[in-house]
Amino acid sequence: MPGGAPAKNDNAGKRRLFERTVLRALTQDDGVRLRAAAERLLDLAASGERWAVECLRDTLDGKPKQAIDIDVTNRSVVDLDDASLAGHIARNRSGGTASAEVGAAEPAGLH
């Protein structure tokens, strides 16, 4: 922050409040409710409740990695036809008007 001390980040403490509260409640009854919750989760997963199955999988095995498909075809500007080149320019410009027609777009402030 200009002219002052940096802002304090209190998010970490807030994020742990729920966890601390639940842990305190679990220790007060010697884990009886935790065991009941685990039994209920197992029963729901066994009956085919999808979210319960996913919860168990994510807890025991970790969340599965997401697959991301990326096309990294690198083509030279020389290989593009006029329409494709104009389309790339129109999509990636930061000012002016965008048009897919060749020569139809002029940069802002040209005149």
PDB file of N, CA and C in Angstrom:
ATOM      1  N   MET A   1       0.848  -1.180   0.000  1.00  0.00           N
ATOM      2  CA  MET A   1       0.000   0.000   0.000  1.00  0.00           C
ATOM      3  C   MET A   1       0.886   1.233   0.000  1.00  0.00           C
ATOM      4  N   PRO A   2       0.620   2.195  -0.865  1.00  0.00           N
ATOM      5  CA  PRO A   2       1.444   3.383  -0.913  1.00  0.00           C
ATOM      6  C   PRO A   2       1.338   4.188   0.379  1.00  0.00           C
ATOM      7  N   GLY A   3       2.487   4.587   0.904  1.00  0.00           N
ATOM      8  CA  GLY A   3       2.521   5.469   2.057  1.00  0.00           C
ATOM      9  C   GLY A   3       2.114   4.839   3.372  1.00  0.00           C
ATOM     10  N   GLY A   4       1.987   3.550   3.441  1.00  0.00           N
ATOM     11  CA  GLY A   4       1.576   2.937   4.699  1.00  0.00           C
ATOM     12  C   GLY A   4       2.062   1.510   4.797  1.00  0.00           C
ATOM     13  N   ALA A   5       1.694   0.878   5.883  1.00  0.00           N
ATOM     14  CA  ALA A   5       2.090  -0.514   6.100  1.00  0.00           C
ATOM     15  C   ALA A   5       1.257  -1.423   5.211  1.00  0.00           C
ATOM     16  N   PRO A   6       1.819  -2.555   4.818  1.00  0.00           N
ATOM     17  CA  PRO A   6       1.049  -3.501   4.000  1.00  0.00           C
ATOM     18  C   PRO A   6      -0.170  -4.013   4.760  1.00  0.00           C
ATOM     19  N   ALA A   7      -1.223  -4.317   4.001  1.00  0.00           N
ATOM     20  CA  ALA A   7      -2.456  -4.823   4.609  1.00  0.00           C
ATOM     21  C   ALA A   7      -2.204  -6.204   5.211  1.00  0.00           C
ATOM     22  N   LYS A   8      -2.780  -6.469   6.358  1.00  0.00           N
ATOM     23  CA  LYS A   8      -2.642  -7.752   7.031  1.00  0.00           C
ATOM     24  C   LYS A   8      -3.623  -8.740   6.426  1.00  0.00           C
ATOM     25  N   ASN A   9      -3.183  -9.949   6.168  1.00  0.00           N
ATOM     26  CA  ASN A   9      -4.027 -10.993   5.600  1.00  0.00           C
ATOM     27  C   ASN A   9      -4.603 -11.830   6.736  1.00  0.00           C
ATOM     28  N   ASP A  10      -5.907 -11.661   6.990  1.00  0.00           N
ATOM     29  CA  ASP A  10      -6.572 -12.402   8.055  1.00  0.00           C
ATOM     30  C   ASP A  10      -7.327 -13.619   7.539  1.00  0.00           C
ATOM     31  N   ASN A  11      -7.230 -13.904   6.250  1.00  0.00           N
ATOM     32  CA  ASN A  11      -8.007 -14.994   5.665  1.00  0.00           C
ATOM     33  C   ASN A  11      -7.601 -16.359   6.220  1.00  0.00           C
ATOM     34  N   ALA A  12      -6.325 -16.557   6.490  1.00  0.00           N
ATOM     35  CA  ALA A  12      -5.872 -17.863   6.987  1.00  0.00           C
ATOM     36  C   ALA A  12      -6.536 -18.194   8.322  1.00  0.00           C
ATOM     37  N   GLY A  13      -6.650 -17.223   9.206  1.00  0.00           N
ATOM     38  CA  GLY A  13      -7.286 -17.454  10.501  1.00  0.00           C
ATOM     39  C   GLY A  13      -8.764 -17.724  10.371  1.00  0.00           C
ATOM     40  N   LYS A  14      -9.430 -17.015   9.481  1.00  0.00           N
ATOM     41  CA  LYS A  14     -10.861 -17.216   9.259  1.00  0.00           C
ATOM     42  C   LYS A  14     -11.117 -18.593   8.665  1.00  0.00           C
ATOM     43  N   ARG A  15     -10.246 -19.014   7.756  1.00  0.00           N
ATOM     44  CA  ARG A  15     -10.420 -20.288   7.078  1.00  0.00           C
ATOM     45  C   ARG A  15     -10.334 -21.440   8.073  1.00  0.00           C
ATOM     46  N   ARG A  16      -9.544 -21.293   9.105  1.00  0.00           N
ATOM     47  CA  ARG A  16      -9.352 -22.359  10.087  1.00  0.00           C
ATOM     48  C   ARG A  16     -10.390 -22.347  11.204  1.00  0.00           C
ATOM     49  N   LEU A  17     -11.195 -21.307  11.296  1.00  0.00           N
ATOM     50  CA  LEU A  17     -12.181 -21.206  12.370  1.00  0.00           C
ATOM     51  C   LEU A  17     -13.138 -22.391  12.346  1.00  0.00           C
ATOM     52  N   PHE A  18     -13.664 -22.729  11.170  1.00  0.00           N
ATOM     53  CA  PHE A  18     -14.598 -23.849  11.056  1.00  0.00           C
ATOM     54  C   PHE A  18     -13.905 -25.152  11.446  1.00  0.00           C
ATOM     55  N   GLU A  19     -12.693 -25.333  10.954  1.00  0.00           N
ATOM     56  CA  GLU A  19     -11.959 -26.554  11.273  1.00  0.00           C
ATOM     57  C   GLU A  19     -11.727 -26.678  12.782  1.00  0.00           C
ATOM     58  N   ARG A  20     -11.306 -25.602  13.421  1.00  0.00           N
ATOM     59  CA  ARG A  20     -11.069 -25.639  14.872  1.00  0.00           C
ATOM     60  C   ARG A  20     -12.356 -25.929  15.643  1.00  0.00           C
ATOM     61  N   THR A  21     -13.457 -25.339  15.192  1.00  0.00           N
ATOM     62  CA  THR A  21     -14.735 -25.545  15.866  1.00  0.00           C
ATOM     63  C   THR A  21     -15.186 -26.998  15.763  1.00  0.00           C
ATOM     64  N   VAL A  22     -15.062 -27.567  14.574  1.00  0.00           N
ATOM     65  CA  VAL A  22     -15.452 -28.965  14.375  1.00  0.00           C
ATOM     66  C   VAL A  22     -14.548 -29.888  15.189  1.00  0.00           C
ATOM     67  N   LEU A  23     -13.258 -29.634  15.185  1.00  0.00           N
ATOM     68  CA  LEU A  23     -12.336 -30.476  15.960  1.00  0.00           C
ATOM     69  C   LEU A  23     -12.645 -30.422  17.452  1.00  0.00           C
ATOM     70  N   ARG A  24     -12.976 -29.236  17.939  1.00  0.00           N
ATOM     71  CA  ARG A  24     -13.340 -29.087  19.354  1.00  0.00           C
ATOM     72  C   ARG A  24     -14.591 -29.912  19.661  1.00  0.00           C
ATOM     73  N   ALA A  25     -15.593 -29.829  18.786  1.00  0.00           N
ATOM     74  CA  ALA A  25     -16.834 -30.582  19.007  1.00  0.00           C
ATOM     75  C   ALA A  25     -16.574 -32.090  18.964  1.00  0.00           C
ATOM     76  N   LEU A  26     -15.693 -32.514  18.074  1.00  0.00           N
ATOM     77  CA  LEU A  26     -15.392 -33.944  17.963  1.00  0.00           C
ATOM     78  C   LEU A  26     -14.679 -34.475  19.204  1.00  0.00           C
ATOM     79  N   THR A  27     -13.788 -33.687  19.768  1.00  0.00           N
ATOM     80  CA  THR A  27     -13.068 -34.157  20.953  1.00  0.00           C
ATOM     81  C   THR A  27     -13.949 -34.150  22.202  1.00  0.00           C
ATOM     82  N   GLN A  28     -14.980 -33.302  22.230  1.00  0.00           N
ATOM     83  CA  GLN A  28     -15.850 -33.237  23.403  1.00  0.00           C
ATOM     84  C   GLN A  28     -16.666 -34.502  23.581  1.00  0.00           C
ATOM     85  N   ASP A  29     -17.015 -35.169  22.469  1.00  0.00           N
ATOM     86  CA  ASP A  29     -17.816 -36.391  22.635  1.00  0.00           C
ATOM     87  C   ASP A  29     -17.008 -37.648  22.323  1.00  0.00           C
ATOM     88  N   ASP A  30     -15.682 -37.513  22.370  1.00  0.00           N
ATOM     89  CA  ASP A  30     -14.776 -38.640  22.198  1.00  0.00           C
ATOM     90  C   ASP A  30     -14.944 -39.329  20.837  1.00  0.00           C
ATOM     91  N   GLY A  31     -15.315 -38.563  19.794  1.00  0.00           N
ATOM     92  CA  GLY A  31     -15.400 -39.098  18.446  1.00  0.00           C
ATOM     93  C   GLY A  31     -16.660 -39.873  18.122  1.00  0.00           C
ATOM     94  N   VAL A  32     -17.643 -39.877  19.013  1.00  0.00           N
ATOM     95  CA  VAL A  32     -18.874 -40.647  18.788  1.00  0.00           C
ATOM     96  C   VAL A  32     -19.615 -40.130  17.555  1.00  0.00           C
ATOM     97  N   ARG A  33     -19.760 -38.809  17.456  1.00  0.00           N
ATOM     98  CA  ARG A  33     -20.473 -38.244  16.299  1.00  0.00           C
ATOM     99  C   ARG A  33     -19.670 -38.392  15.013  1.00  0.00           C
ATOM    100  N   LEU A  34     -18.349 -38.313  15.107  1.00  0.00           N
ATOM    101  CA  LEU A  34     -17.515 -38.519  13.917  1.00  0.00           C
ATOM    102  C   LEU A  34     -17.708 -39.930  13.382  1.00  0.00           C
ATOM    103  N   ARG A  35     -17.734 -40.896  14.281  1.00  0.00           N
ATOM    104  CA  ARG A  35     -17.952 -42.292  13.874  1.00  0.00           C
ATOM    105  C   ARG A  35     -19.327 -42.441  13.235  1.00  0.00           C
ATOM    106  N   ALA A  36     -20.351 -41.794  13.823  1.00  0.00           N
ATOM    107  CA  ALA A  36     -21.710 -41.867  13.264  1.00  0.00           C
ATOM    108  C   ALA A  36     -21.756 -41.225  11.876  1.00  0.00           C
ATOM    109  N   ALA A  37     -21.062 -40.108  11.706  1.00  0.00           N
ATOM    110  CA  ALA A  37     -21.033 -39.444  10.404  1.00  0.00           C
ATOM    111  C   ALA A  37     -20.330 -40.312   9.367  1.00  0.00           C
ATOM    112  N   ALA A  38     -19.228 -40.941   9.764  1.00  0.00           N
ATOM    113  CA  ALA A  38     -18.502 -41.823   8.850  1.00  0.00           C
ATOM    114  C   ALA A  38     -19.359 -43.020   8.449  1.00  0.00           C
ATOM    115  N   GLU A  39     -20.066 -43.593   9.413  1.00  0.00           N
ATOM    116  CA  GLU A  39     -20.964 -44.722   9.116  1.00  0.00           C
ATOM    117  C   GLU A  39     -22.055 -44.307   8.131  1.00  0.00           C
ATOM    118  N   ARG A  40     -22.628 -43.127   8.359  1.00  0.00           N
ATOM    119  CA  ARG A  40     -23.687 -42.618   7.468  1.00  0.00           C
ATOM    120  C   ARG A  40     -23.136 -42.390   6.063  1.00  0.00           C
ATOM    121  N   LEU A  41     -21.944 -41.817   5.974  1.00  0.00           N
ATOM    122  CA  LEU A  41     -21.322 -41.583   4.667  1.00  0.00           C
ATOM    123  C   LEU A  41     -21.074 -42.906   3.953  1.00  0.00           C
ATOM    124  N   LEU A  42     -20.574 -43.890   4.666  1.00  0.00           N
ATOM    125  CA  LEU A  42     -20.346 -45.211   4.075  1.00  0.00           C
ATOM    126  C   LEU A  42     -21.651 -45.852   3.612  1.00  0.00           C
ATOM    127  N   ASP A  43     -22.717 -45.718   4.424  1.00  0.00           N
ATOM    128  CA  ASP A  43     -24.023 -46.263   4.038  1.00  0.00           C
ATOM    129  C   ASP A  43     -24.542 -45.599   2.761  1.00  0.00           C
ATOM    130  N   LEU A  44     -24.426 -44.263   2.681  1.00  0.00           N
ATOM    131  CA  LEU A  44     -24.897 -43.541   1.497  1.00  0.00           C
ATOM    132  C   LEU A  44     -24.093 -43.919   0.258  1.00  0.00           C
ATOM    133  N   ALA A  45     -22.786 -44.062   0.422  1.00  0.00           N
ATOM    134  CA  ALA A  45     -21.951 -44.472  -0.710  1.00  0.00           C
ATOM    135  C   ALA A  45     -22.319 -45.888  -1.157  1.00  0.00           C
ATOM    136  N   ALA A  46     -22.546 -46.779  -0.202  1.00  0.00           N
ATOM    137  CA  ALA A  46     -22.910 -48.159  -0.528  1.00  0.00           C
ATOM    138  C   ALA A  46     -24.261 -48.238  -1.226  1.00  0.00           C
ATOM    139  N   SER A  47     -25.153 -47.281  -0.929  1.00  0.00           N
ATOM    140  CA  SER A  47     -26.466 -47.299  -1.590  1.00  0.00           C
ATOM    141  C   SER A  47     -26.433 -46.605  -2.947  1.00  0.00           C
ATOM    142  N   GLY A  48     -25.251 -46.111  -3.340  1.00  0.00           N
ATOM    143  CA  GLY A  48     -25.116 -45.535  -4.677  1.00  0.00           C
ATOM    144  C   GLY A  48     -25.215 -44.017  -4.740  1.00  0.00           C
ATOM    145  N   GLU A  49     -25.223 -43.354  -3.598  1.00  0.00           N
ATOM    146  CA  GLU A  49     -25.289 -41.885  -3.590  1.00  0.00           C
ATOM    147  C   GLU A  49     -23.966 -41.355  -4.152  1.00  0.00           C
ATOM    148  N   ARG A  50     -24.059 -40.760  -5.345  1.00  0.00           N
ATOM    149  CA  ARG A  50     -22.853 -40.377  -6.075  1.00  0.00           C
ATOM    150  C   ARG A  50     -21.931 -39.434  -5.284  1.00  0.00           C
ATOM    151  N   TRP A  51     -22.504 -38.399  -4.660  1.00  0.00           N
ATOM    152  CA  TRP A  51     -21.660 -37.430  -3.952  1.00  0.00           C
ATOM    153  C   TRP A  51     -20.907 -38.097  -2.812  1.00  0.00           C
ATOM    154  N   ALA A  52     -21.544 -39.112  -2.181  1.00  0.00           N
ATOM    155  CA  ALA A  52     -20.894 -39.805  -1.063  1.00  0.00           C
ATOM    156  C   ALA A  52     -19.732 -40.659  -1.576  1.00  0.00           C
ATOM    157  N   VAL A  53     -19.933 -41.322  -2.715  1.00  0.00           N
ATOM    158  CA  VAL A  53     -18.858 -42.108  -3.328  1.00  0.00           C
ATOM    159  C   VAL A  53     -17.694 -41.189  -3.682  1.00  0.00           C
ATOM    160  N   GLU A  54     -18.008 -40.031  -4.300  1.00  0.00           N
ATOM    161  CA  GLU A  54     -16.957 -39.089  -4.691  1.00  0.00           C
ATOM    162  C   GLU A  54     -16.238 -38.519  -3.464  1.00  0.00           C
ATOM    163  N   CYS A  55     -16.986 -38.271  -2.398  1.00  0.00           N
ATOM    164  CA  CYS A  55     -16.383 -37.761  -1.168  1.00  0.00           C
ATOM    165  C   CYS A  55     -15.387 -38.774  -0.605  1.00  0.00           C
ATOM    166  N   LEU A  56     -15.770 -40.025  -0.572  1.00  0.00           N
ATOM    167  CA  LEU A  56     -14.866 -41.065  -0.085  1.00  0.00           C
ATOM    168  C   LEU A  56     -13.647 -41.196  -0.987  1.00  0.00           C
ATOM    169  N   ARG A  57     -13.868 -41.222  -2.291  1.00  0.00           N
ATOM    170  CA  ARG A  57     -12.749 -41.335  -3.231  1.00  0.00           C
ATOM    171  C   ARG A  57     -11.773 -40.177  -3.050  1.00  0.00           C
ATOM    172  N   ASP A  58     -12.310 -38.954  -2.998  1.00  0.00           N
ATOM    173  CA  ASP A  58     -11.458 -37.774  -2.880  1.00  0.00           C
ATOM    174  C   ASP A  58     -10.701 -37.768  -1.559  1.00  0.00           C
ATOM    175  N   THR A  59     -11.333 -38.255  -0.489  1.00  0.00           N
ATOM    176  CA  THR A  59     -10.694 -38.277   0.821  1.00  0.00           C
ATOM    177  C   THR A  59      -9.616 -39.356   0.892  1.00  0.00           C
ATOM    178  N   LEU A  60      -9.906 -40.513   0.344  1.00  0.00           N
ATOM    179  CA  LEU A  60      -8.969 -41.622   0.453  1.00  0.00           C
ATOM    180  C   LEU A  60      -7.878 -41.598  -0.608  1.00  0.00           C
ATOM    181  N   ASP A  61      -8.234 -41.257  -1.850  1.00  0.00           N
ATOM    182  CA  ASP A  61      -7.280 -41.319  -2.962  1.00  0.00           C
ATOM    183  C   ASP A  61      -6.817 -39.953  -3.443  1.00  0.00           C
ATOM    184  N   GLY A  62      -7.453 -38.900  -2.977  1.00  0.00           N
ATOM    185  CA  GLY A  62      -7.161 -37.571  -3.504  1.00  0.00           C
ATOM    186  C   GLY A  62      -8.039 -37.293  -4.710  1.00  0.00           C
ATOM    187  N   LYS A  63      -8.255 -36.017  -4.975  1.00  0.00           N
ATOM    188  CA  LYS A  63      -9.094 -35.660  -6.123  1.00  0.00           C
ATOM    189  C   LYS A  63      -8.383 -36.035  -7.412  1.00  0.00           C
ATOM    190  N   PRO A  64      -9.128 -36.563  -8.392  1.00  0.00           N
ATOM    191  CA  PRO A  64      -8.496 -36.912  -9.657  1.00  0.00           C
ATOM    192  C   PRO A  64      -8.046 -35.648 -10.399  1.00  0.00           C
ATOM    193  N   LYS A  65      -6.962 -35.792 -11.133  1.00  0.00           N
ATOM    194  CA  LYS A  65      -6.464 -34.671 -11.917  1.00  0.00           C
ATOM    195  C   LYS A  65      -7.382 -34.456 -13.113  1.00  0.00           C
ATOM    196  N   GLN A  66      -7.569 -33.184 -13.468  1.00  0.00           N
ATOM    197  CA  GLN A  66      -8.400 -32.868 -14.624  1.00  0.00           C
ATOM    198  C   GLN A  66      -7.540 -32.905 -15.875  1.00  0.00           C
ATOM    199  N   ALA A  67      -8.079 -33.480 -16.927  1.00  0.00           N
ATOM    200  CA  ALA A  67      -7.378 -33.503 -18.200  1.00  0.00           C
ATOM    201  C   ALA A  67      -7.688 -32.221 -18.955  1.00  0.00           C
ATOM    202  N   ILE A  68      -6.652 -31.603 -19.474  1.00  0.00           N
ATOM    203  CA  ILE A  68      -6.820 -30.380 -20.250  1.00  0.00           C
ATOM    204  C   ILE A  68      -6.226 -30.625 -21.628  1.00  0.00           C
ATOM    205  N   ASP A  69      -7.034 -30.410 -22.639  1.00  0.00           N
ATOM    206  CA  ASP A  69      -6.602 -30.576 -24.014  1.00  0.00           C
ATOM    207  C   ASP A  69      -6.204 -29.223 -24.582  1.00  0.00           C
ATOM    208  N   ILE A  70      -4.959 -29.088 -25.006  1.00  0.00           N
ATOM    209  CA  ILE A  70      -4.486 -27.828 -25.554  1.00  0.00           C
ATOM    210  C   ILE A  70      -3.931 -28.068 -26.944  1.00  0.00           C
ATOM    211  N   ASP A  71      -4.384 -27.269 -27.889  1.00  0.00           N
ATOM    212  CA  ASP A  71      -3.858 -27.340 -29.247  1.00  0.00           C
ATOM    213  C   ASP A  71      -2.766 -26.292 -29.375  1.00  0.00           C
ATOM    214  N   VAL A  72      -1.543 -26.727 -29.553  1.00  0.00           N
ATOM    215  CA  VAL A  72      -0.415 -25.808 -29.637  1.00  0.00           C
ATOM    216  C   VAL A  72       0.163 -25.755 -31.042  1.00  0.00           C
ATOM    217  N   THR A  73      -0.715 -25.906 -32.006  1.00  0.00           N
ATOM    218  CA  THR A  73      -0.268 -25.813 -33.386  1.00  0.00           C
ATOM    219  C   THR A  73       0.283 -24.425 -33.625  1.00  0.00           C
ATOM    220  N   ASN A  74       1.509 -24.364 -34.053  1.00  0.00           N
ATOM    221  CA  ASN A  74       2.163 -23.088 -34.295  1.00  0.00           C
ATOM    222  C   ASN A  74       2.335 -22.929 -35.798  1.00  0.00           C
ATOM    223  N   ARG A  75       1.515 -22.058 -36.371  1.00  0.00           N
ATOM    224  CA  ARG A  75       1.572 -21.859 -37.814  1.00  0.00           C
ATOM    225  C   ARG A  75       2.181 -20.496 -38.115  1.00  0.00           C
ATOM    226  N   SER A  76       2.944 -20.454 -39.150  1.00  0.00           N
ATOM    227  CA  SER A  76       3.552 -19.203 -39.579  1.00  0.00           C
ATOM    228  C   SER A  76       2.485 -18.310 -40.204  1.00  0.00           C
ATOM    229  N   VAL A  77       2.658 -17.012 -40.065  1.00  0.00           N
ATOM    230  CA  VAL A  77       1.730 -16.049 -40.665  1.00  0.00           C
ATOM    231  C   VAL A  77       1.667 -16.265 -42.174  1.00  0.00           C
ATOM    232  N   VAL A  78       2.760 -16.688 -42.746  1.00  0.00           N
ATOM    233  CA  VAL A  78       2.816 -16.910 -44.194  1.00  0.00           C
ATOM    234  C   VAL A  78       1.865 -18.029 -44.613  1.00  0.00           C
ATOM    235  N   ASP A  79       1.627 -19.009 -43.706  1.00  0.00           N
ATOM    236  CA  ASP A  79       0.770 -20.145 -44.024  1.00  0.00           C
ATOM    237  C   ASP A  79      -0.713 -19.836 -43.927  1.00  0.00           C
ATOM    238  N   LEU A  80      -1.096 -18.702 -43.320  1.00  0.00           N
ATOM    239  CA  LEU A  80      -2.503 -18.360 -43.131  1.00  0.00           C
ATOM    240  C   LEU A  80      -3.066 -17.690 -44.377  1.00  0.00           C
ATOM    241  N   ASP A  81      -4.321 -18.036 -44.693  1.00  0.00           N
ATOM    242  CA  ASP A  81      -4.973 -17.300 -45.780  1.00  0.00           C
ATOM    243  C   ASP A  81      -5.444 -15.959 -45.234  1.00  0.00           C
ATOM    244  N   ASP A  82      -5.880 -15.068 -46.107  1.00  0.00           N
ATOM    245  CA  ASP A  82      -6.247 -13.714 -45.695  1.00  0.00           C
ATOM    246  C   ASP A  82      -7.353 -13.697 -44.646  1.00  0.00           C
ATOM    247  N   ALA A  83      -8.374 -14.548 -44.816  1.00  0.00           N
ATOM    248  CA  ALA A  83      -9.498 -14.562 -43.885  1.00  0.00           C
ATOM    249  C   ALA A  83      -9.049 -15.023 -42.495  1.00  0.00           C
ATOM    250  N   SER A  84      -8.202 -16.062 -42.439  1.00  0.00           N
ATOM    251  CA  SER A  84      -7.710 -16.555 -41.147  1.00  0.00           C
ATOM    252  C   SER A  84      -6.837 -15.512 -40.466  1.00  0.00           C
ATOM    253  N   LEU A  85      -5.972 -14.871 -41.226  1.00  0.00           N
ATOM    254  CA  LEU A  85      -5.100 -13.847 -40.666  1.00  0.00           C
ATOM    255  C   LEU A  85      -5.912 -12.678 -40.127  1.00  0.00           C
ATOM    256  N   ALA A  86      -6.914 -12.246 -40.886  1.00  0.00           N
ATOM    257  CA  ALA A  86      -7.779 -11.149 -40.442  1.00  0.00           C
ATOM    258  C   ALA A  86      -8.544 -11.543 -39.181  1.00  0.00           C
ATOM    259  N   GLY A  87      -8.975 -12.788 -39.105  1.00  0.00           N
ATOM    260  CA  GLY A  87      -9.683 -13.269 -37.920  1.00  0.00           C
ATOM    261  C   GLY A  87      -8.798 -13.236 -36.682  1.00  0.00           C
ATOM    262  N   HIS A  88      -7.541 -13.674 -36.824  1.00  0.00           N
ATOM    263  CA  HIS A  88      -6.591 -13.627 -35.703  1.00  0.00           C
ATOM    264  C   HIS A  88      -6.354 -12.191 -35.245  1.00  0.00           C
ATOM    265  N   ILE A  89      -6.182 -11.312 -36.202  1.00  0.00           N
ATOM    266  CA  ILE A  89      -5.949  -9.905 -35.864  1.00  0.00           C
ATOM    267  C   ILE A  89      -7.160  -9.334 -35.136  1.00  0.00           C
ATOM    268  N   ALA A  90      -8.352  -9.616 -35.643  1.00  0.00           N
ATOM    269  CA  ALA A  90      -9.575  -9.080 -35.037  1.00  0.00           C
ATOM    270  C   ALA A  90      -9.769  -9.601 -33.615  1.00  0.00           C
ATOM    271  N   ARG A  91      -9.450 -10.871 -33.364  1.00  0.00           N
ATOM    272  CA  ARG A  91      -9.628 -11.448 -32.031  1.00  0.00           C
ATOM    273  C   ARG A  91      -8.577 -10.969 -31.031  1.00  0.00           C
ATOM    274  N   ASN A  92      -7.410 -10.619 -31.501  1.00  0.00           N
ATOM    275  CA  ASN A  92      -6.301 -10.337 -30.589  1.00  0.00           C
ATOM    276  C   ASN A  92      -5.915  -8.869 -30.504  1.00  0.00           C
ATOM    277  N   ARG A  93      -6.642  -7.996 -31.112  1.00  0.00           N
ATOM    278  CA  ARG A  93      -6.267  -6.581 -31.072  1.00  0.00           C
ATOM    279  C   ARG A  93      -6.756  -5.936 -29.789  1.00  0.00           C
ATOM    280  N   SER A  94      -6.110  -4.882 -29.378  1.00  0.00           N
ATOM    281  CA  SER A  94      -6.475  -4.223 -28.120  1.00  0.00           C
ATOM    282  C   SER A  94      -7.190  -2.904 -28.329  1.00  0.00           C
ATOM    283  N   GLY A  95      -7.338  -2.445 -29.541  1.00  0.00           N
ATOM    284  CA  GLY A  95      -8.032  -1.184 -29.777  1.00  0.00           C
ATOM    285  C   GLY A  95      -8.620  -1.152 -31.171  1.00  0.00           C
ATOM    286  N   GLY A  96      -9.408  -0.150 -31.485  1.00  0.00           N
ATOM    287  CA  GLY A  96     -10.009  -0.041 -32.803  1.00  0.00           C
ATOM    288  C   GLY A  96     -11.238  -0.898 -32.923  1.00  0.00           C
ATOM    289  N   THR A  97     -11.705  -1.056 -34.135  1.00  0.00           N
ATOM    290  CA  THR A  97     -12.877  -1.883 -34.375  1.00  0.00           C
ATOM    291  C   THR A  97     -12.428  -3.207 -34.939  1.00  0.00           C
ATOM    292  N   ALA A  98     -13.143  -4.259 -34.609  1.00  0.00           N
ATOM    293  CA  ALA A  98     -12.781  -5.595 -35.066  1.00  0.00           C
ATOM    294  C   ALA A  98     -13.705  -6.026 -36.181  1.00  0.00           C
ATOM    295  N   SER A  99     -13.113  -6.586 -37.221  1.00  0.00           N
ATOM    296  CA  SER A  99     -13.882  -7.106 -38.337  1.00  0.00           C
ATOM    297  C   SER A  99     -13.101  -8.240 -38.953  1.00  0.00           C
ATOM    298  N   ALA A 100     -13.787  -9.249 -39.447  1.00  0.00           N
ATOM    299  CA  ALA A 100     -13.118 -10.385 -40.058  1.00  0.00           C
ATOM    300  C   ALA A 100     -12.729 -10.098 -41.491  1.00  0.00           C
ATOM    301  N   GLU A 101     -13.160  -8.998 -42.057  1.00  0.00           N
ATOM    302  CA  GLU A 101     -12.809  -8.671 -43.428  1.00  0.00           C
ATOM    303  C   GLU A 101     -11.422  -8.059 -43.465  1.00  0.00           C
ATOM    304  N   VAL A 102     -10.653  -8.444 -44.488  1.00  0.00           N
ATOM    305  CA  VAL A 102      -9.305  -7.922 -44.644  1.00  0.00           C
ATOM    306  C   VAL A 102      -9.380  -6.432 -44.940  1.00  0.00           C
ATOM    307  N   GLY A 103      -8.616  -5.643 -44.194  1.00  0.00           N
ATOM    308  CA  GLY A 103      -8.552  -4.208 -44.436  1.00  0.00           C
ATOM    309  C   GLY A 103      -9.723  -3.420 -43.889  1.00  0.00           C
ATOM    310  N   ALA A 104     -10.714  -4.088 -43.278  1.00  0.00           N
ATOM    311  CA  ALA A 104     -11.907  -3.380 -42.816  1.00  0.00           C
ATOM    312  C   ALA A 104     -11.691  -2.727 -41.453  1.00  0.00           C
ATOM    313  N   ALA A 105     -10.697  -3.188 -40.698  1.00  0.00           N
ATOM    314  CA  ALA A 105     -10.487  -2.644 -39.353  1.00  0.00           C
ATOM    315  C   ALA A 105      -9.322  -1.659 -39.372  1.00  0.00           C
ATOM    316  N   GLU A 106      -9.487  -0.550 -38.680  1.00  0.00           N
ATOM    317  CA  GLU A 106      -8.401   0.423 -38.546  1.00  0.00           C
ATOM    318  C   GLU A 106      -8.102   0.592 -37.071  1.00  0.00           C
ATOM    319  N   PRO A 107      -6.847   0.682 -36.722  1.00  0.00           N
ATOM    320  CA  PRO A 107      -6.499   0.881 -35.323  1.00  0.00           C
ATOM    321  C   PRO A 107      -7.045   2.202 -34.804  1.00  0.00           C
ATOM    322  N   ALA A 108      -7.350   2.241 -33.504  1.00  0.00           N
ATOM    323  CA  ALA A 108      -7.854   3.469 -32.890  1.00  0.00           C
ATOM    324  C   ALA A 108      -6.793   4.556 -33.018  1.00  0.00           C
ATOM    325  N   GLY A 109      -7.217   5.741 -33.320  1.00  0.00           N
ATOM    326  CA  GLY A 109      -6.299   6.879 -33.382  1.00  0.00           C
ATOM    327  C   GLY A 109      -5.461   6.920 -34.627  1.00  0.00           C
ATOM    328  N   LEU A 110      -5.827   6.200 -35.691  1.00  0.00           N
ATOM    329  CA  LEU A 110      -5.053   6.199 -36.928  1.00  0.00           C
ATOM    330  C   LEU A 110      -5.136   7.532 -37.636  1.00  0.00           C
ATOM    331  N   HIS A 111      -6.284   8.172 -37.604  1.00  0.00           N
ATOM    332  CA  HIS A 111      -6.465   9.437 -38.341  1.00  0.00           C
ATOM    333  C   HIS A 111      -6.286  10.625 -37.456  1.00  0.00           C
TER     334      HIS A 111
END
